[in-house]
PDB file of all heavy atoms in Angstrom:
ATOM      1  N   SER A   1     -15.391  11.355 -23.189  1.00  0.00           N
ATOM      2  CA  SER A   1     -16.656  10.809 -22.608  1.00  0.00           C
ATOM      3  C   SER A   1     -17.048  11.657 -21.391  1.00  0.00           C
ATOM      4  O   SER A   1     -16.219  11.920 -20.501  1.00  0.00           O
ATOM      5  CB  SER A   1     -16.488   9.345 -22.268  1.00  0.00           C
ATOM      6  OG  SER A   1     -16.283   8.550 -23.403  1.00  0.00           O
ATOM      7  N   ARG A   2     -18.295  11.987 -21.312  1.00  0.00           N
ATOM      8  CA  ARG A   2     -18.802  12.772 -20.172  1.00  0.00           C
ATOM      9  C   ARG A   2     -19.930  12.041 -19.530  1.00  0.00           C
ATOM     10  O   ARG A   2     -20.911  11.682 -20.152  1.00  0.00           O
ATOM     11  CB  ARG A   2     -19.246  14.170 -20.675  1.00  0.00           C
ATOM     12  CG  ARG A   2     -18.217  14.909 -21.404  1.00  0.00           C
ATOM     13  CD  ARG A   2     -18.742  16.095 -22.073  1.00  0.00           C
ATOM     14  NE  ARG A   2     -17.756  16.714 -23.013  1.00  0.00           N
ATOM     15  CZ  ARG A   2     -18.037  17.714 -23.838  1.00  0.00           C
ATOM     16  NH1 ARG A   2     -19.250  18.283 -23.849  1.00  0.00           N
ATOM     17  NH2 ARG A   2     -17.099  18.167 -24.622  1.00  0.00           N
ATOM     18  N   VAL A   3     -19.772  11.756 -18.224  1.00  0.00           N
ATOM     19  CA  VAL A   3     -20.672  10.870 -17.535  1.00  0.00           C
ATOM     20  C   VAL A   3     -21.052  11.420 -16.192  1.00  0.00           C
ATOM     21  O   VAL A   3     -20.197  11.921 -15.476  1.00  0.00           O
ATOM     22  CB  VAL A   3     -20.087   9.454 -17.392  1.00  0.00           C
ATOM     23  CG1 VAL A   3     -21.021   8.559 -16.633  1.00  0.00           C
ATOM     24  CG2 VAL A   3     -19.751   8.872 -18.764  1.00  0.00           C
ATOM     25  N   THR A   4     -22.333  11.330 -15.884  1.00  0.00           N
ATOM     26  CA  THR A   4     -22.765  11.551 -14.457  1.00  0.00           C
ATOM     27  C   THR A   4     -23.342  10.183 -14.019  1.00  0.00           C
ATOM     28  O   THR A   4     -24.484   9.824 -14.445  1.00  0.00           O
ATOM     29  CB  THR A   4     -23.814  12.623 -14.364  1.00  0.00           C
ATOM     30  OG1 THR A   4     -23.259  13.849 -14.856  1.00  0.00           O
ATOM     31  CG2 THR A   4     -24.213  12.867 -12.891  1.00  0.00           C
ATOM     32  N   LEU A   5     -22.590   9.407 -13.309  1.00  0.00           N
ATOM     33  CA  LEU A   5     -22.955   8.009 -13.053  1.00  0.00           C
ATOM     34  C   LEU A   5     -24.315   7.910 -12.328  1.00  0.00           C
ATOM     35  O   LEU A   5     -25.134   6.963 -12.582  1.00  0.00           O
ATOM     36  CB  LEU A   5     -21.849   7.309 -12.184  1.00  0.00           C
ATOM     37  CG  LEU A   5     -20.592   7.085 -12.960  1.00  0.00           C
ATOM     38  CD1 LEU A   5     -19.580   6.374 -12.021  1.00  0.00           C
ATOM     39  CD2 LEU A   5     -20.796   6.238 -14.166  1.00  0.00           C
ATOM     40  N   GLY A   6     -24.588   8.814 -11.377  1.00  0.00           N
ATOM     41  CA  GLY A   6     -25.838   8.725 -10.673  1.00  0.00           C
ATOM     42  C   GLY A   6     -27.023   8.726 -11.558  1.00  0.00           C
ATOM     43  O   GLY A   6     -28.071   8.041 -11.313  1.00  0.00           O
ATOM     44  N   SER A   7     -27.012   9.495 -12.663  1.00  0.00           N
ATOM     45  CA  SER A   7     -28.144   9.558 -13.591  1.00  0.00           C
ATOM     46  C   SER A   7     -28.342   8.271 -14.315  1.00  0.00           C
ATOM     47  O   SER A   7     -29.412   8.030 -14.925  1.00  0.00           O
ATOM     48  CB  SER A   7     -27.971  10.721 -14.589  1.00  0.00           C
ATOM     49  OG  SER A   7     -26.870  10.470 -15.426  1.00  0.00           O
ATOM     50  N   LEU A   8     -27.317   7.404 -14.340  1.00  0.00           N
ATOM     51  CA  LEU A   8     -27.374   6.169 -15.053  1.00  0.00           C
ATOM     52  C   LEU A   8     -27.653   4.971 -14.092  1.00  0.00           C
ATOM     53  O   LEU A   8     -27.541   3.783 -14.468  1.00  0.00           O
ATOM     54  CB  LEU A   8     -26.085   5.883 -15.813  1.00  0.00           C
ATOM     55  CG  LEU A   8     -25.745   6.961 -16.824  1.00  0.00           C
ATOM     56  CD1 LEU A   8     -24.329   6.761 -17.401  1.00  0.00           C
ATOM     57  CD2 LEU A   8     -26.723   6.967 -17.962  1.00  0.00           C
ATOM     58  N   GLY A   9     -27.985   5.292 -12.815  1.00  0.00           N
ATOM     59  CA  GLY A   9     -28.294   4.221 -11.881  1.00  0.00           C
ATOM     60  C   GLY A   9     -27.084   3.642 -11.182  1.00  0.00           C
ATOM     61  O   GLY A   9     -27.146   2.544 -10.612  1.00  0.00           O
ATOM     62  N   VAL A  10     -25.919   4.363 -11.225  1.00  0.00           N
ATOM     63  CA  VAL A  10     -24.742   3.871 -10.568  1.00  0.00           C
ATOM     64  C   VAL A  10     -24.397   4.833  -9.487  1.00  0.00           C
ATOM     65  O   VAL A  10     -23.750   5.837  -9.659  1.00  0.00           O
ATOM     66  CB  VAL A  10     -23.576   3.766 -11.605  1.00  0.00           C
ATOM     67  CG1 VAL A  10     -22.319   3.200 -10.917  1.00  0.00           C
ATOM     68  CG2 VAL A  10     -23.933   2.870 -12.794  1.00  0.00           C
ATOM     69  N   GLN A  11     -24.830   4.577  -8.240  1.00  0.00           N
ATOM     70  CA  GLN A  11     -24.696   5.419  -7.110  1.00  0.00           C
ATOM     71  C   GLN A  11     -23.532   4.919  -6.234  1.00  0.00           C
ATOM     72  O   GLN A  11     -23.607   3.776  -5.706  1.00  0.00           O
ATOM     73  CB  GLN A  11     -25.974   5.494  -6.273  1.00  0.00           C
ATOM     74  CG  GLN A  11     -27.176   6.089  -7.024  1.00  0.00           C
ATOM     75  CD  GLN A  11     -27.114   7.571  -7.134  1.00  0.00           C
ATOM     76  OE1 GLN A  11     -26.221   8.214  -6.589  1.00  0.00           O
ATOM     77  NE2 GLN A  11     -28.066   8.182  -7.781  1.00  0.00           N
ATOM     78  N   THR A  12     -22.484   5.712  -6.088  1.00  0.00           N
ATOM     79  CA  THR A  12     -21.336   5.247  -5.321  1.00  0.00           C
ATOM     80  C   THR A  12     -21.147   6.047  -3.999  1.00  0.00           C
ATOM     81  O   THR A  12     -20.089   5.988  -3.372  1.00  0.00           O
ATOM     82  CB  THR A  12     -20.054   5.297  -6.091  1.00  0.00           C
ATOM     83  OG1 THR A  12     -19.819   6.635  -6.576  1.00  0.00           O
ATOM     84  CG2 THR A  12     -20.180   4.414  -7.395  1.00  0.00           C
ATOM     85  N   VAL A  13     -22.097   6.883  -3.679  1.00  0.00           N
ATOM     86  CA  VAL A  13     -21.975   7.688  -2.473  1.00  0.00           C
ATOM     87  C   VAL A  13     -21.765   6.858  -1.256  1.00  0.00           C
ATOM     88  O   VAL A  13     -22.478   5.872  -0.973  1.00  0.00           O
ATOM     89  CB  VAL A  13     -23.261   8.577  -2.243  1.00  0.00           C
ATOM     90  CG1 VAL A  13     -23.159   9.382  -0.988  1.00  0.00           C
ATOM     91  CG2 VAL A  13     -23.452   9.491  -3.481  1.00  0.00           C
ATOM     92  N   GLY A  14     -20.705   7.155  -0.463  1.00  0.00           N
ATOM     93  CA  GLY A  14     -20.346   6.356   0.661  1.00  0.00           C
ATOM     94  C   GLY A  14     -19.559   5.154   0.346  1.00  0.00           C
ATOM     95  O   GLY A  14     -19.122   4.456   1.295  1.00  0.00           O
ATOM     96  N   ARG A  15     -19.313   4.874  -0.906  1.00  0.00           N
ATOM     97  CA  ARG A  15     -18.557   3.650  -1.305  1.00  0.00           C
ATOM     98  C   ARG A  15     -17.454   4.115  -2.329  1.00  0.00           C
ATOM     99  O   ARG A  15     -17.265   3.425  -3.322  1.00  0.00           O
ATOM    100  CB  ARG A  15     -19.443   2.598  -1.899  1.00  0.00           C
ATOM    101  CG  ARG A  15     -20.404   1.994  -0.941  1.00  0.00           C
ATOM    102  CD  ARG A  15     -21.252   0.894  -1.554  1.00  0.00           C
ATOM    103  NE  ARG A  15     -22.104   1.432  -2.595  1.00  0.00           N
ATOM    104  CZ  ARG A  15     -23.299   1.935  -2.455  1.00  0.00           C
ATOM    105  NH1 ARG A  15     -23.812   2.009  -1.232  1.00  0.00           N
ATOM    106  NH2 ARG A  15     -23.977   2.350  -3.485  1.00  0.00           N
ATOM    107  N   SER A  16     -16.798   5.257  -2.061  1.00  0.00           N
ATOM    108  CA  SER A  16     -15.746   5.745  -2.990  1.00  0.00           C
ATOM    109  C   SER A  16     -14.486   5.760  -2.232  1.00  0.00           C
ATOM    110  O   SER A  16     -14.369   6.190  -1.054  1.00  0.00           O
ATOM    111  CB  SER A  16     -16.094   7.154  -3.493  1.00  0.00           C
ATOM    112  OG  SER A  16     -17.245   7.180  -4.280  1.00  0.00           O
ATOM    113  N   PHE A  17     -13.388   5.318  -2.834  1.00  0.00           N
ATOM    114  CA  PHE A  17     -12.101   5.238  -2.190  1.00  0.00           C
ATOM    115  C   PHE A  17     -11.009   5.795  -3.156  1.00  0.00           C
ATOM    116  O   PHE A  17     -11.119   5.663  -4.372  1.00  0.00           O
ATOM    117  CB  PHE A  17     -11.719   3.721  -1.939  1.00  0.00           C
ATOM    118  CG  PHE A  17     -12.717   3.015  -1.076  1.00  0.00           C
ATOM    119  CD1 PHE A  17     -13.808   2.391  -1.651  1.00  0.00           C
ATOM    120  CD2 PHE A  17     -12.589   3.008   0.292  1.00  0.00           C
ATOM    121  CE1 PHE A  17     -14.759   1.720  -0.889  1.00  0.00           C
ATOM    122  CE2 PHE A  17     -13.528   2.371   1.085  1.00  0.00           C
ATOM    123  CZ  PHE A  17     -14.614   1.727   0.520  1.00  0.00           C
ATOM    124  N   ARG A  18     -10.051   6.435  -2.540  1.00  0.00           N
ATOM    125  CA  ARG A  18      -8.993   7.044  -3.336  1.00  0.00           C
ATOM    126  C   ARG A  18      -7.617   6.445  -2.907  1.00  0.00           C
ATOM    127  O   ARG A  18      -7.328   6.397  -1.734  1.00  0.00           O
ATOM    128  CB  ARG A  18      -8.954   8.575  -3.146  1.00  0.00           C
ATOM    129  CG  ARG A  18      -7.799   9.268  -3.955  1.00  0.00           C
ATOM    130  CD  ARG A  18      -7.696  10.715  -3.590  1.00  0.00           C
ATOM    131  NE  ARG A  18      -8.860  11.427  -3.723  1.00  0.00           N
ATOM    132  CZ  ARG A  18      -9.281  11.965  -4.913  1.00  0.00           C
ATOM    133  NH1 ARG A  18      -8.518  11.797  -5.972  1.00  0.00           N
ATOM    134  NH2 ARG A  18     -10.390  12.606  -5.060  1.00  0.00           N
ATOM    135  N   LEU A  19      -6.878   5.945  -3.891  1.00  0.00           N
ATOM    136  CA  LEU A  19      -5.529   5.448  -3.685  1.00  0.00           C
ATOM    137  C   LEU A  19      -4.558   6.542  -3.947  1.00  0.00           C
ATOM    138  O   LEU A  19      -4.576   7.220  -4.937  1.00  0.00           O
ATOM    139  CB  LEU A  19      -5.287   4.212  -4.558  1.00  0.00           C
ATOM    140  CG  LEU A  19      -6.239   3.012  -4.431  1.00  0.00           C
ATOM    141  CD1 LEU A  19      -5.918   1.969  -5.433  1.00  0.00           C
ATOM    142  CD2 LEU A  19      -6.267   2.522  -3.009  1.00  0.00           C
ATOM    143  N   ARG A  20      -3.639   6.777  -3.000  1.00  0.00           N
ATOM    144  CA  ARG A  20      -2.777   7.932  -3.082  1.00  0.00           C
ATOM    145  C   ARG A  20      -1.266   7.670  -3.330  1.00  0.00           C
ATOM    146  O   ARG A  20      -0.514   8.528  -3.632  1.00  0.00           O
ATOM    147  CB  ARG A  20      -2.852   8.791  -1.766  1.00  0.00           C
ATOM    148  CG  ARG A  20      -4.266   9.386  -1.491  1.00  0.00           C
ATOM    149  CD  ARG A  20      -4.263  10.100  -0.165  1.00  0.00           C
ATOM    150  NE  ARG A  20      -5.454  10.795   0.066  1.00  0.00           N
ATOM    151  CZ  ARG A  20      -6.563  10.294   0.522  1.00  0.00           C
ATOM    152  NH1 ARG A  20      -6.576   9.019   0.865  1.00  0.00           N
ATOM    153  NH2 ARG A  20      -7.643  11.027   0.696  1.00  0.00           N
ATOM    154  N   VAL A  21      -0.874   6.361  -3.130  1.00  0.00           N
ATOM    155  CA  VAL A  21       0.526   6.038  -3.260  1.00  0.00           C
ATOM    156  C   VAL A  21       0.834   5.377  -4.580  1.00  0.00           C
ATOM    157  O   VAL A  21       0.222   4.367  -4.948  1.00  0.00           O
ATOM    158  CB  VAL A  21       0.994   5.113  -2.066  1.00  0.00           C
ATOM    159  CG1 VAL A  21       2.461   4.835  -2.175  1.00  0.00           C
ATOM    160  CG2 VAL A  21       0.683   5.786  -0.784  1.00  0.00           C
ATOM    161  N   ASN A  22       1.796   5.972  -5.345  1.00  0.00           N
ATOM    162  CA  ASN A  22       2.221   5.380  -6.604  1.00  0.00           C
ATOM    163  C   ASN A  22       3.286   4.323  -6.349  1.00  0.00           C
ATOM    164  O   ASN A  22       4.304   4.614  -5.641  1.00  0.00           O
ATOM    165  CB  ASN A  22       2.802   6.540  -7.492  1.00  0.00           C
ATOM    166  CG  ASN A  22       3.273   6.036  -8.846  1.00  0.00           C
ATOM    167  OD1 ASN A  22       4.098   5.157  -8.901  1.00  0.00           O
ATOM    168  ND2 ASN A  22       2.772   6.619  -9.898  1.00  0.00           N
ATOM    169  N   TYR A  23       3.130   3.106  -6.860  1.00  0.00           N
ATOM    170  CA  TYR A  23       4.075   2.037  -6.626  1.00  0.00           C
ATOM    171  C   TYR A  23       4.843   1.729  -7.928  1.00  0.00           C
ATOM    172  O   TYR A  23       5.548   0.792  -7.967  1.00  0.00           O
ATOM    173  CB  TYR A  23       3.307   0.769  -6.170  1.00  0.00           C
ATOM    174  CG  TYR A  23       2.546   0.990  -4.899  1.00  0.00           C
ATOM    175  CD1 TYR A  23       1.233   1.240  -4.911  1.00  0.00           C
ATOM    176  CD2 TYR A  23       3.259   0.993  -3.729  1.00  0.00           C
ATOM    177  CE1 TYR A  23       0.561   1.461  -3.741  1.00  0.00           C
ATOM    178  CE2 TYR A  23       2.595   1.185  -2.503  1.00  0.00           C
ATOM    179  CZ  TYR A  23       1.218   1.419  -2.530  1.00  0.00           C
ATOM    180  OH  TYR A  23       0.520   1.634  -1.347  1.00  0.00           O
ATOM    181  N   ARG A  24       4.688   2.573  -8.947  1.00  0.00           N
ATOM    182  CA  ARG A  24       5.350   2.329 -10.239  1.00  0.00           C
ATOM    183  C   ARG A  24       6.464   3.287 -10.525  1.00  0.00           C
ATOM    184  O   ARG A  24       7.618   2.912 -10.721  1.00  0.00           O
ATOM    185  CB  ARG A  24       4.326   2.347 -11.341  1.00  0.00           C
ATOM    186  CG  ARG A  24       4.974   2.228 -12.728  1.00  0.00           C
ATOM    187  CD  ARG A  24       3.922   1.989 -13.825  1.00  0.00           C
ATOM    188  NE  ARG A  24       3.071   3.233 -13.972  1.00  0.00           N
ATOM    189  CZ  ARG A  24       1.777   3.152 -14.242  1.00  0.00           C
ATOM    190  NH1 ARG A  24       1.177   1.976 -14.339  1.00  0.00           N
ATOM    191  NH2 ARG A  24       1.096   4.212 -14.414  1.00  0.00           N
ATOM    192  N   SER A  25       6.119   4.582 -10.575  1.00  0.00           N
ATOM    193  CA  SER A  25       7.076   5.614 -11.043  1.00  0.00           C
ATOM    194  C   SER A  25       7.793   6.235  -9.818  1.00  0.00           C
ATOM    195  O   SER A  25       7.247   6.254  -8.710  1.00  0.00           O
ATOM    196  CB  SER A  25       6.369   6.751 -11.777  1.00  0.00           C
ATOM    197  OG  SER A  25       5.618   6.191 -12.878  1.00  0.00           O
ATOM    198  N   THR A  26       8.954   6.758 -10.120  1.00  0.00           N
ATOM    199  CA  THR A  26       9.712   7.488  -9.068  1.00  0.00           C
ATOM    200  C   THR A  26       8.988   8.779  -8.695  1.00  0.00           C
ATOM    201  O   THR A  26       8.230   9.319  -9.508  1.00  0.00           O
ATOM    202  CB  THR A  26      11.171   7.720  -9.472  1.00  0.00           C
ATOM    203  OG1 THR A  26      11.125   8.689 -10.582  1.00  0.00           O
ATOM    204  CG2 THR A  26      11.901   6.452  -9.863  1.00  0.00           C
ATOM    205  N   GLU A  27       9.324   9.285  -7.515  1.00  0.00           N
ATOM    206  CA  GLU A  27       8.761  10.591  -7.150  1.00  0.00           C
ATOM    207  C   GLU A  27       9.143  11.683  -8.110  1.00  0.00           C
ATOM    208  O   GLU A  27       8.377  12.619  -8.445  1.00  0.00           O
ATOM    209  CB  GLU A  27       9.239  10.960  -5.737  1.00  0.00           C
ATOM    210  CG  GLU A  27       8.704  12.282  -5.187  1.00  0.00           C
ATOM    211  CD  GLU A  27       7.234  12.243  -4.927  1.00  0.00           C
ATOM    212  OE1 GLU A  27       6.624  11.194  -4.807  1.00  0.00           O
ATOM    213  OE2 GLU A  27       6.665  13.365  -4.825  1.00  0.00           O
ATOM    214  N   GLU A  28      10.341  11.603  -8.706  1.00  0.00           N
ATOM    215  CA  GLU A  28      10.839  12.615  -9.615  1.00  0.00           C
ATOM    216  C   GLU A  28       9.976  12.611 -10.925  1.00  0.00           C
ATOM    217  O   GLU A  28       9.605  13.626 -11.451  1.00  0.00           O
ATOM    218  CB  GLU A  28      12.284  12.319  -9.954  1.00  0.00           C
ATOM    219  CG  GLU A  28      13.233  12.638  -8.814  1.00  0.00           C
ATOM    220  CD  GLU A  28      13.255  11.598  -7.716  1.00  0.00           C
ATOM    221  OE1 GLU A  28      12.704  10.492  -7.928  1.00  0.00           O
ATOM    222  OE2 GLU A  28      13.718  11.875  -6.630  1.00  0.00           O
TER     223      GLU A  28
END
């Protein structure tokens, strides 16, 4: 699936967050 959300009326500029810590798998 290929999507450009802005063209579909879903604008998330300034409201995007990234989670960086994995709480499931080991670092290895």
